[in-house]
C-alpha atoms as a PDB file:
ATOM      1  CA  MET A   1      20.725 -24.875-130.316  1.00  0.00           C
ATOM      2  CA  GLU A   2      24.152 -25.992-131.488  1.00  0.00           C
ATOM      3  CA  PRO A   3      27.113 -24.078-130.054  1.00  0.00           C
ATOM      4  CA  ARG A   4      28.696 -21.486-132.225  1.00  0.00           C
ATOM      5  CA  PRO A   5      32.123 -22.456-133.716  1.00  0.00           C
ATOM      6  CA  THR A   6      33.769 -19.745-131.685  1.00  0.00           C
ATOM      7  CA  GLU A   7      32.492 -20.994-128.356  1.00  0.00           C
ATOM      8  CA  SER A   8      34.876 -23.909-128.061  1.00  0.00           C
ATOM      9  CA  PHE A   9      37.794 -21.675-128.897  1.00  0.00           C
ATOM     10  CA  ALA A  10      36.664 -19.172-126.265  1.00  0.00           C
ATOM     11  CA  GLU A  11      36.468 -22.011-123.727  1.00  0.00           C
ATOM     12  CA  GLU A  12      40.007 -23.004-124.672  1.00  0.00           C
ATOM     13  CA  LEU A  13      41.290 -19.449-124.229  1.00  0.00           C
ATOM     14  CA  PHE A  14      39.457 -19.134-120.907  1.00  0.00           C
ATOM     15  CA  GLY A  15      41.099 -22.335-119.705  1.00  0.00           C
ATOM     16  CA  LEU A  16      44.524 -20.942-120.429  1.00  0.00           C
ATOM     17  CA  ARG A  17      43.686 -17.834-118.397  1.00  0.00           C
ATOM     18  CA  LYS A  18      41.811 -19.507-115.523  1.00  0.00           C
ATOM     19  CA  GLY A  19      43.621 -19.342-112.228  1.00  0.00           C
ATOM     20  CA  ARG A  20      46.459 -17.229-113.571  1.00  0.00           C
ATOM     21  CA  ALA A  21      47.239 -13.815-112.233  1.00  0.00           C
ATOM     22  CA  PRO A  22      48.415 -11.218-114.795  1.00  0.00           C
ATOM     23  CA  VAL A  23      52.174 -11.699-115.300  1.00  0.00           C
ATOM     24  CA  LEU A  24      52.877  -9.076-117.927  1.00  0.00           C
ATOM     25  CA  PRO A  25      52.741  -5.296-117.796  1.00  0.00           C
ATOM     26  CA  SER A  26      50.651  -3.618-120.503  1.00  0.00           C
ATOM     27  CA  LYS A  27      52.854  -2.711-123.469  1.00  0.00           C
ATOM     28  CA  ALA A  28      50.867   0.473-123.868  1.00  0.00           C
ATOM     29  CA  ARG A  29      51.582   1.401-120.234  1.00  0.00           C
ATOM     30  CA  VAL A  30      55.280   0.729-120.721  1.00  0.00           C
ATOM     31  CA  ALA A  31      55.341   2.841-123.895  1.00  0.00           C
ATOM     32  CA  LYS A  32      53.562   5.691-122.088  1.00  0.00           C
ATOM     33  CA  PHE A  33      56.150   5.503-119.270  1.00  0.00           C
ATOM     34  CA  ALA A  34      58.955   5.712-121.855  1.00  0.00           C
ATOM     35  CA  ASP A  35      57.357   8.671-123.659  1.00  0.00           C
ATOM     36  CA  ASP A  36      56.552  10.550-120.447  1.00  0.00           C
ATOM     37  CA  LEU A  37      60.047  10.018-119.101  1.00  0.00           C
ATOM     38  CA  LEU A  38      61.725  11.264-122.281  1.00  0.00           C
ATOM     39  CA  ALA A  39      59.409  14.278-122.238  1.00  0.00           C
ATOM     40  CA  LEU A  40      60.529  14.965-118.667  1.00  0.00           C
ATOM     41  CA  LEU A  41      64.241  14.595-119.420  1.00  0.00           C
ATOM     42  CA  PHE A  42      64.242  16.490-122.773  1.00  0.00           C
ATOM     43  CA  PRO A  43      61.941  19.364-123.760  1.00  0.00           C
ATOM     44  CA  HIS A  44      62.404  18.133-127.348  1.00  0.00           C
ATOM     45  CA  PHE A  45      59.858  15.319-126.626  1.00  0.00           C
ATOM     46  CA  SER A  46      57.259  17.513-124.910  1.00  0.00           C
ATOM     47  CA  GLU A  47      54.762  20.161-125.851  1.00  0.00           C
ATOM     48  CA  ASP A  48      54.460  21.211-122.189  1.00  0.00           C
ATOM     49  CA  ARG A  49      56.254  24.317-120.917  1.00  0.00           C
ATOM     50  CA  TYR A  50      57.186  24.445-117.227  1.00  0.00           C
ATOM     51  CA  ARG A  51      57.456  27.762-115.440  1.00  0.00           C
ATOM     52  CA  GLU A  52      59.365  26.495-112.403  1.00  0.00           C
ATOM     53  CA  ALA A  53      61.234  23.479-111.089  1.00  0.00           C
ATOM     54  CA  GLY A  54      58.397  22.537-108.779  1.00  0.00           C
ATOM     55  CA  GLU A  55      56.201  21.677-111.762  1.00  0.00           C
ATOM     56  CA  LEU A  56      58.849  19.281-113.044  1.00  0.00           C
ATOM     57  CA  GLU A  57      59.013  17.644-109.589  1.00  0.00           C
ATOM     58  CA  ILE A  58      55.242  17.089-109.689  1.00  0.00           C
ATOM     59  CA  GLN A  59      55.479  15.540-113.175  1.00  0.00           C
ATOM     60  CA  LEU A  60      58.332  13.256-111.984  1.00  0.00           C
ATOM     61  CA  GLN A  61      56.160  11.950-109.079  1.00  0.00           C
ATOM     62  CA  VAL A  62      53.375  11.260-111.559  1.00  0.00           C
ATOM     63  CA  ILE A  63      55.769   9.212-113.704  1.00  0.00           C
ATOM     64  CA  LEU A  64      57.048   7.311-110.721  1.00  0.00           C
ATOM     65  CA  ARG A  65      53.477   6.591-109.662  1.00  0.00           C
ATOM     66  CA  ASP A  66      52.688   5.240-113.115  1.00  0.00           C
ATOM     67  CA  LEU A  67      55.907   3.210-112.992  1.00  0.00           C
ATOM     68  CA  ARG A  68      54.760   1.490-109.755  1.00  0.00           C
ATOM     69  CA  THR A  69      51.497   0.617-111.433  1.00  0.00           C
ATOM     70  CA  ALA A  70      53.276  -0.813-114.508  1.00  0.00           C
ATOM     71  CA  LEU A  71      55.578  -2.956-112.321  1.00  0.00           C
ATOM     72  CA  LEU A  72      52.885  -4.427-110.052  1.00  0.00           C
ATOM     73  CA  PRO A  73      52.110  -7.451-112.301  1.00  0.00           C
ATOM     74  CA  LEU A  74      55.781  -8.372-112.178  1.00  0.00           C
ATOM     75  CA  ALA A  75      56.158  -8.110-108.380  1.00  0.00           C
ATOM     76  CA  PRO A  76      56.305 -11.879-107.691  1.00  0.00           C
ATOM     77  CA  GLY A  77      59.361 -12.300-109.922  1.00  0.00           C
ATOM     78  CA  MET A  78      61.239  -9.170-108.940  1.00  0.00           C
ATOM     79  CA  ARG A  79      64.421  -9.101-106.866  1.00  0.00           C
ATOM     80  CA  HIS A  80      63.181  -6.085-104.804  1.00  0.00           C
ATOM     81  CA  THR A  81      59.731  -4.764-103.978  1.00  0.00           C
ATOM     82  CA  VAL A  82      57.986  -2.451-106.407  1.00  0.00           C
ATOM     83  CA  GLU A  83      58.507   0.472-104.045  1.00  0.00           C
ATOM     84  CA  ALA A  84      62.221  -0.217-103.578  1.00  0.00           C
ATOM     85  CA  THR A  85      62.733  -0.709-107.349  1.00  0.00           C
ATOM     86  CA  THR A  86      60.966   2.590-108.106  1.00  0.00           C
ATOM     87  CA  ASP A  87      63.007   4.424-105.483  1.00  0.00           C
ATOM     88  CA  LEU A  88      66.247   2.992-106.796  1.00  0.00           C
ATOM     89  CA  PHE A  89      65.399   4.110-110.316  1.00  0.00           C
ATOM     90  CA  ALA A  90      64.548   7.569-109.079  1.00  0.00           C
ATOM     91  CA  GLU A  91      67.992   7.764-107.422  1.00  0.00           C
ATOM     92  CA  ARG A  92      69.694   6.762-110.602  1.00  0.00           C
ATOM     93  CA  LEU A  93      67.740   9.047-112.882  1.00  0.00           C
ATOM     94  CA  PRO A  94      70.065  12.107-112.564  1.00  0.00           C
ATOM     95  CA  THR A  95      73.027   9.895-113.582  1.00  0.00           C
ATOM     96  CA  ILE A  96      71.058   8.551-116.555  1.00  0.00           C
ATOM     97  CA  SER A  97      70.161  12.088-117.633  1.00  0.00           C
ATOM     98  CA  ARG A  98      73.765  13.295-117.498  1.00  0.00           C
ATOM     99  CA  ALA A  99      74.987  10.221-119.429  1.00  0.00           C
ATOM    100  CA  LEU A 100      72.408  10.892-122.163  1.00  0.00           C
ATOM    101  CA  TRP A 101      73.570  14.488-122.628  1.00  0.00           C
ATOM    102  CA  LYS A 102      77.121  13.159-123.083  1.00  0.00           C
ATOM    103  CA  ASP A 103      75.800  10.671-125.657  1.00  0.00           C
ATOM    104  CA  ALA A 104      74.074  13.460-127.529  1.00  0.00           C
ATOM    105  CA  GLU A 105      77.223  15.560-127.468  1.00  0.00           C
ATOM    106  CA  ALA A 106      79.248  12.619-128.832  1.00  0.00           C
ATOM    107  CA  ILE A 107      76.834  12.066-131.666  1.00  0.00           C
ATOM    108  CA  THR A 108      76.837  15.767-132.526  1.00  0.00           C
ATOM    109  CA  ALA A 109      80.617  15.929-132.517  1.00  0.00           C
ATOM    110  CA  GLY A 110      80.991  12.681-134.498  1.00  0.00           C
ATOM    111  CA  ASP A 111      78.505  13.313-137.312  1.00  0.00           C
ATOM    112  CA  PRO A 112      79.383  16.059-139.771  1.00  0.00           C
ATOM    113  CA  ALA A 113      75.706  16.176-140.863  1.00  0.00           C
ATOM    114  CA  ALA A 114      74.458  17.038-137.360  1.00  0.00           C
ATOM    115  CA  GLU A 115      73.772  20.723-137.182  1.00  0.00           C
ATOM    116  CA  SER A 116      73.095  20.933-133.444  1.00  0.00           C
ATOM    117  CA  ILE A 117      72.641  18.881-130.339  1.00  0.00           C
ATOM    118  CA  ASP A 118      68.921  19.764-130.461  1.00  0.00           C
ATOM    119  CA  GLU A 119      68.688  18.063-133.893  1.00  0.00           C
ATOM    120  CA  VAL A 120      70.358  14.948-132.497  1.00  0.00           C
ATOM    121  CA  VAL A 121      68.039  14.716-129.503  1.00  0.00           C
ATOM    122  CA  SER A 122      64.906  15.475-131.531  1.00  0.00           C
ATOM    123  CA  ALA A 123      65.461  13.424-134.668  1.00  0.00           C
ATOM    124  CA  TYR A 124      68.331  10.879-134.477  1.00  0.00           C
ATOM    125  CA  PRO A 125      67.225   7.253-134.074  1.00  0.00           C
ATOM    126  CA  GLY A 126      70.597   6.447-132.588  1.00  0.00           C
ATOM    127  CA  PHE A 127      70.054   8.774-129.723  1.00  0.00           C
ATOM    128  CA  LEU A 128      66.506   7.487-129.091  1.00  0.00           C
ATOM    129  CA  ALA A 129      67.871   3.871-128.982  1.00  0.00           C
ATOM    130  CA  ILE A 130      70.633   4.859-126.569  1.00  0.00           C
ATOM    131  CA  ALA A 131      68.230   6.775-124.333  1.00  0.00           C
ATOM    132  CA  LEU A 132      65.739   3.913-123.967  1.00  0.00           C
ATOM    133  CA  HIS A 133      68.594   1.452-123.508  1.00  0.00           C
ATOM    134  CA  ARG A 134      70.082   3.388-120.636  1.00  0.00           C
ATOM    135  CA  VAL A 135      66.672   3.404-118.947  1.00  0.00           C
ATOM    136  CA  ALA A 136      66.020  -0.308-119.680  1.00  0.00           C
ATOM    137  CA  HIS A 137      69.469  -1.261-118.425  1.00  0.00           C
ATOM    138  CA  GLU A 138      68.739   0.186-114.968  1.00  0.00           C
ATOM    139  CA  PHE A 139      65.690  -2.080-114.629  1.00  0.00           C
ATOM    140  CA  TYR A 140      67.748  -5.042-115.900  1.00  0.00           C
ATOM    141  CA  ARG A 141      70.373  -4.331-113.263  1.00  0.00           C
ATOM    142  CA  SER A 142      67.650  -4.206-110.599  1.00  0.00           C
ATOM    143  CA  GLY A 143      66.431  -7.676-111.531  1.00  0.00           C
ATOM    144  CA  VAL A 144      63.114  -6.627-113.038  1.00  0.00           C
ATOM    145  CA  PRO A 145      61.865  -9.330-115.502  1.00  0.00           C
ATOM    146  CA  ILE A 146      60.287  -8.587-118.886  1.00  0.00           C
ATOM    147  CA  PHE A 147      59.835  -4.804-118.333  1.00  0.00           C
ATOM    148  CA  PRO A 148      63.322  -3.817-119.614  1.00  0.00           C
ATOM    149  CA  ARG A 149      62.906  -6.105-122.611  1.00  0.00           C
ATOM    150  CA  ILE A 150      59.639  -4.398-123.595  1.00  0.00           C
ATOM    151  CA  LEU A 151      61.434  -1.044-123.351  1.00  0.00           C
ATOM    152  CA  SER A 152      64.226  -2.299-125.627  1.00  0.00           C
ATOM    153  CA  GLU A 153      61.680  -3.608-128.102  1.00  0.00           C
ATOM    154  CA  ILE A 154      59.941  -0.179-128.153  1.00  0.00           C
ATOM    155  CA  ALA A 155      63.286   1.346-129.062  1.00  0.00           C
ATOM    156  CA  HIS A 156      63.923  -1.407-131.673  1.00  0.00           C
ATOM    157  CA  HIS A 157      60.517  -0.748-133.268  1.00  0.00           C
ATOM    158  CA  ARG A 158      61.031   2.997-133.388  1.00  0.00           C
ATOM    159  CA  SER A 159      64.699   3.140-134.432  1.00  0.00           C
ATOM    160  CA  GLY A 160      65.562  -0.164-136.149  1.00  0.00           C
ATOM    161  CA  ILE A 161      68.350  -0.640-133.530  1.00  0.00           C
ATOM    162  CA  ASP A 162      68.227  -3.730-131.313  1.00  0.00           C
ATOM    163  CA  ILE A 163      70.133  -3.375-128.024  1.00  0.00           C
ATOM    164  CA  HIS A 164      69.532  -5.986-125.353  1.00  0.00           C
ATOM    165  CA  PRO A 165      68.919  -4.262-121.966  1.00  0.00           C
ATOM    166  CA  GLY A 166      71.695  -6.325-120.442  1.00  0.00           C
ATOM    167  CA  ALA A 167      74.448  -4.795-122.605  1.00  0.00           C
ATOM    168  CA  ARG A 168      76.842  -2.598-120.633  1.00  0.00           C
ATOM    169  CA  ILE A 169      77.709   0.679-122.448  1.00  0.00           C
ATOM    170  CA  GLY A 170      80.181   3.328-121.354  1.00  0.00           C
ATOM    171  CA  HIS A 171      79.800   7.056-121.696  1.00  0.00           C
ATOM    172  CA  SER A 172      79.718   9.192-124.834  1.00  0.00           C
ATOM    173  CA  PHE A 173      78.339   6.380-126.995  1.00  0.00           C
ATOM    174  CA  CYS A 174      77.804   7.345-130.682  1.00  0.00           C
ATOM    175  CA  ILE A 175      75.524   5.528-133.109  1.00  0.00           C
ATOM    176  CA  ASP A 176      75.673   6.964-136.647  1.00  0.00           C
ATOM    177  CA  HIS A 177      72.624   6.094-138.807  1.00  0.00           C
ATOM    178  CA  GLY A 178      72.126   2.882-136.835  1.00  0.00           C
ATOM    179  CA  THR A 179      69.593   0.888-138.791  1.00  0.00           C
ATOM    180  CA  GLY A 180      70.163  -2.837-138.313  1.00  0.00           C
ATOM    181  CA  ILE A 181      72.577  -2.645-135.377  1.00  0.00           C
ATOM    182  CA  VAL A 182      72.290  -5.621-133.040  1.00  0.00           C
ATOM    183  CA  ILE A 183      73.975  -5.623-129.608  1.00  0.00           C
ATOM    184  CA  GLY A 184      73.718  -8.780-127.544  1.00  0.00           C
ATOM    185  CA  GLU A 185      72.967  -9.184-123.801  1.00  0.00           C
ATOM    186  CA  THR A 186      76.480  -9.757-122.510  1.00  0.00           C
ATOM    187  CA  SER A 187      78.205  -7.227-124.714  1.00  0.00           C
ATOM    188  CA  THR A 188      80.460  -4.767-122.953  1.00  0.00           C
ATOM    189  CA  ILE A 189      81.181  -1.466-124.714  1.00  0.00           C
ATOM    190  CA  GLY A 190      83.722   1.040-123.386  1.00  0.00           C
ATOM    191  CA  ASP A 191      83.762   4.854-123.485  1.00  0.00           C
ATOM    192  CA  GLU A 192      83.652   6.984-126.642  1.00  0.00           C
ATOM    193  CA  VAL A 193      82.808   4.046-128.929  1.00  0.00           C
ATOM    194  CA  LYS A 194      81.202   4.719-132.319  1.00  0.00           C
ATOM    195  CA  LEU A 195      79.103   2.261-134.306  1.00  0.00           C
ATOM    196  CA  TYR A 196      77.679   2.548-137.798  1.00  0.00           C
ATOM    197  CA  GLN A 197      74.622   0.886-139.311  1.00  0.00           C
ATOM    198  CA  GLY A 198      74.364  -2.862-139.561  1.00  0.00           C
ATOM    199  CA  VAL A 199      76.973  -3.730-136.894  1.00  0.00           C
ATOM    200  CA  THR A 200      76.357  -6.974-134.970  1.00  0.00           C
ATOM    201  CA  LEU A 201      77.879  -7.717-131.576  1.00  0.00           C
ATOM    202  CA  GLY A 202      76.711 -11.312-131.292  1.00  0.00           C
ATOM    203  CA  ALA A 203      77.273 -14.720-129.878  1.00  0.00           C
ATOM    204  CA  LEU A 204      79.200 -17.624-131.488  1.00  0.00           C
ATOM    205  CA  SER A 205      76.672 -20.110-130.136  1.00  0.00           C
ATOM    206  CA  VAL A 206      72.978 -19.825-129.349  1.00  0.00           C
ATOM    207  CA  GLN A 207      72.764 -22.878-127.091  1.00  0.00           C
ATOM    208  CA  LYS A 208      70.359 -22.341-124.240  1.00  0.00           C
ATOM    209  CA  SER A 209      72.837 -23.904-121.814  1.00  0.00           C
ATOM    210  CA  LEU A 210      75.161 -20.963-122.329  1.00  0.00           C
ATOM    211  CA  ALA A 211      72.532 -18.350-121.298  1.00  0.00           C
ATOM    212  CA  CYS A 212      74.450 -17.409-118.108  1.00  0.00           C
ATOM    213  CA  SER A 213      77.904 -17.174-119.749  1.00  0.00           C
ATOM    214  CA  LYS A 214      79.680 -14.262-121.390  1.00  0.00           C
ATOM    215  CA  ARG A 215      78.506 -14.839-124.988  1.00  0.00           C
ATOM    216  CA  HIS A 216      79.114 -11.464-126.677  1.00  0.00           C
ATOM    217  CA  PRO A 217      82.247  -9.444-127.351  1.00  0.00           C
ATOM    218  CA  THR A 218      83.979  -6.730-125.345  1.00  0.00           C
ATOM    219  CA  ILE A 219      84.653  -3.428-127.182  1.00  0.00           C
ATOM    220  CA  GLU A 220      87.190  -1.236-125.416  1.00  0.00           C
ATOM    221  CA  ASP A 221      87.432   2.508-125.363  1.00  0.00           C
ATOM    222  CA  ARG A 222      87.453   4.703-128.441  1.00  0.00           C
ATOM    223  CA  VAL A 223      86.829   1.925-130.931  1.00  0.00           C
ATOM    224  CA  VAL A 224      85.141   2.733-134.270  1.00  0.00           C
ATOM    225  CA  ILE A 225      83.186  -0.049-136.019  1.00  0.00           C
ATOM    226  CA  TYR A 226      82.016   0.641-139.563  1.00  0.00           C
ATOM    227  CA  SER A 227      78.878  -0.579-141.286  1.00  0.00           C
ATOM    228  CA  ASN A 228      77.903  -4.241-141.467  1.00  0.00           C
ATOM    229  CA  ALA A 229      80.854  -5.508-139.399  1.00  0.00           C
ATOM    230  CA  THR A 230      80.055  -8.634-137.358  1.00  0.00           C
ATOM    231  CA  ILE A 231      81.980  -9.365-134.164  1.00  0.00           C
ATOM    232  CA  LEU A 232      81.111 -12.599-132.340  1.00  0.00           C
ATOM    233  CA  GLY A 233      82.051 -14.427-129.170  1.00  0.00           C
ATOM    234  CA  GLY A 234      82.292 -13.805-125.452  1.00  0.00           C
ATOM    235  CA  GLU A 235      86.076 -14.134-125.474  1.00  0.00           C
ATOM    236  CA  THR A 236      86.510 -11.680-128.376  1.00  0.00           C
ATOM    237  CA  VAL A 237      88.009  -8.386-127.243  1.00  0.00           C
ATOM    238  CA  ILE A 238      88.518  -5.441-129.553  1.00  0.00           C
ATOM    239  CA  GLY A 239      91.429  -3.476-128.119  1.00  0.00           C
ATOM    240  CA  HIS A 240      91.077   0.237-127.427  1.00  0.00           C
ATOM    241  CA  ASP A 241      91.582   2.823-130.163  1.00  0.00           C
ATOM    242  CA  SER A 242      91.037   0.248-132.899  1.00  0.00           C
ATOM    243  CA  VAL A 243      89.206   0.685-136.177  1.00  0.00           C
ATOM    244  CA  ILE A 244      87.077  -2.171-137.579  1.00  0.00           C
ATOM    245  CA  GLY A 245      86.215  -1.680-141.251  1.00  0.00           C
ATOM    246  CA  GLY A 246      82.959  -2.366-143.014  1.00  0.00           C
ATOM    247  CA  ASN A 247      81.857  -5.927-143.692  1.00  0.00           C
ATOM    248  CA  VAL A 248      84.551  -7.393-141.473  1.00  0.00           C
ATOM    249  CA  TRP A 249      83.712 -10.764-139.770  1.00  0.00           C
ATOM    250  CA  LEU A 250      85.625 -11.227-136.493  1.00  0.00           C
ATOM    251  CA  THR A 251      85.629 -14.133-134.100  1.00  0.00           C
ATOM    252  CA  GLN A 252      88.992 -13.452-132.467  1.00  0.00           C
ATOM    253  CA  SER A 253      90.470 -10.648-130.434  1.00  0.00           C
ATOM    254  CA  VAL A 254      92.582  -7.823-131.835  1.00  0.00           C
ATOM    255  CA  PRO A 255      95.110  -5.756-129.824  1.00  0.00           C
ATOM    256  CA  PRO A 256      94.811  -2.064-129.120  1.00  0.00           C
ATOM    257  CA  HIS A 257      95.367   0.369-132.019  1.00  0.00           C
ATOM    258  CA  SER A 258      94.494  -2.249-134.646  1.00  0.00           C
ATOM    259  CA  VAL A 259      93.022  -1.526-138.038  1.00  0.00           C
ATOM    260  CA  VAL A 260      91.021  -4.453-139.396  1.00  0.00           C
ATOM    261  CA  TYR A 261      89.513  -4.283-142.892  1.00  0.00           C
ATOM    262  CA  HIS A 262      87.837  -6.469-145.448  1.00  0.00           C
ATOM    263  CA  LYS A 263      89.354  -6.521-148.947  1.00  0.00           C
ATOM    264  CA  SER A 264      86.995  -7.254-151.807  1.00  0.00           C
ATOM    265  CA  ASP A 265      87.822  -7.754-155.461  1.00  0.00           C
ATOM    266  CA  ILE A 266      85.944  -5.130-157.450  1.00  0.00           C
ATOM    267  CA  LYS A 267      86.368  -4.751-161.197  1.00  0.00           C
ATOM    268  CA  VAL A 268      85.383  -1.641-163.130  1.00  0.00           C
ATOM    269  CA  ARG A 269      85.096  -1.563-166.888  1.00  0.00           C
ATOM    270  CA  ASP A 270      83.836   0.771-169.537  1.00  0.00           C
ATOM    271  CA  ALA A 271      80.103   0.179-170.108  1.00  0.00           C
ATOM    272  CA  ARG A 272      80.694   0.709-173.862  1.00  0.00           C
ATOM    273  CA  GLU A 273      82.865  -2.418-174.052  1.00  0.00           C
ATOM    274  CA  GLU A 274      81.323  -5.638-175.191  1.00  0.00           C
ATOM    275  CA  ALA A 275      79.755  -7.558-172.336  1.00  0.00           C
ATOM    276  CA  GLN A 276      81.757 -10.712-173.244  1.00  0.00           C
ATOM    277  CA  GLY A 277      79.090 -13.247-172.615  1.00  0.00           C
ATOM    278  CA  LEU A 278      77.300 -11.491-169.752  1.00  0.00           C
ATOM    279  CA  GLU A 279      73.606 -11.165-170.367  1.00  0.00           C
ATOM    280  CA  TYR A 280      71.100  -9.419-168.128  1.00  0.00           C
ATOM    281  CA  ILE A 281      67.487 -10.487-168.475  1.00  0.00           C
ATOM    282  CA  ILE A 282      64.753  -9.004-166.324  1.00  0.00           C
END
């Protein structure tokens, strides 16, 4: 009997797997960890109702147990043991929770359309992206490979906001709308910063040799960056209390209290006037 066409391909796939231990956590397991953690931190993400603090403690221990399981495939490449990494995350969790409530308050205060902090937590993609970033960043700081990046991609998929887990972000961070925002790995963002949709904090060069260098900009405290602005470069610093207008392209630093804007030439005419040679064919 001649081998089926798929047999040789199956042999090829088996050869790639042979002798290799699992090196990646299950994406489904990471997503479940993220969902369970958000449901623990915010009742807005949960259908469960807890009658006493002890029940929340039990649920937290379940989440930490599941975290250990998710991290096990990555143990050979981790800076600390799975147990130590989990314990460190548990210690940092109260700080993360308090920071997220400050973020929710900042978004509520900064968006006239936000009717309540509950609406922000429940429905705003900017808050979801910030929440998962603050969690992912803790694992990034602890030297956990891959896992924080999977968390950031879960946030990216759900919110349209791409924040590398390495980015350092201060308190009371506000994202308004948010779709299309990209924040690179070595970005540093101060306190009370507000970003609108389409903002890019990127690198001037994508050479692999620069991977360990400061490639992305620094945004100081109380800066507002409007939609589709692009700020590039590791040496670029946006001084505190500055306003960066929409569609601005910046590759150099600006001092504190600056206002930077893009001026476009827009002409408006009466639609009843003759088109003067302009033709529109669809």
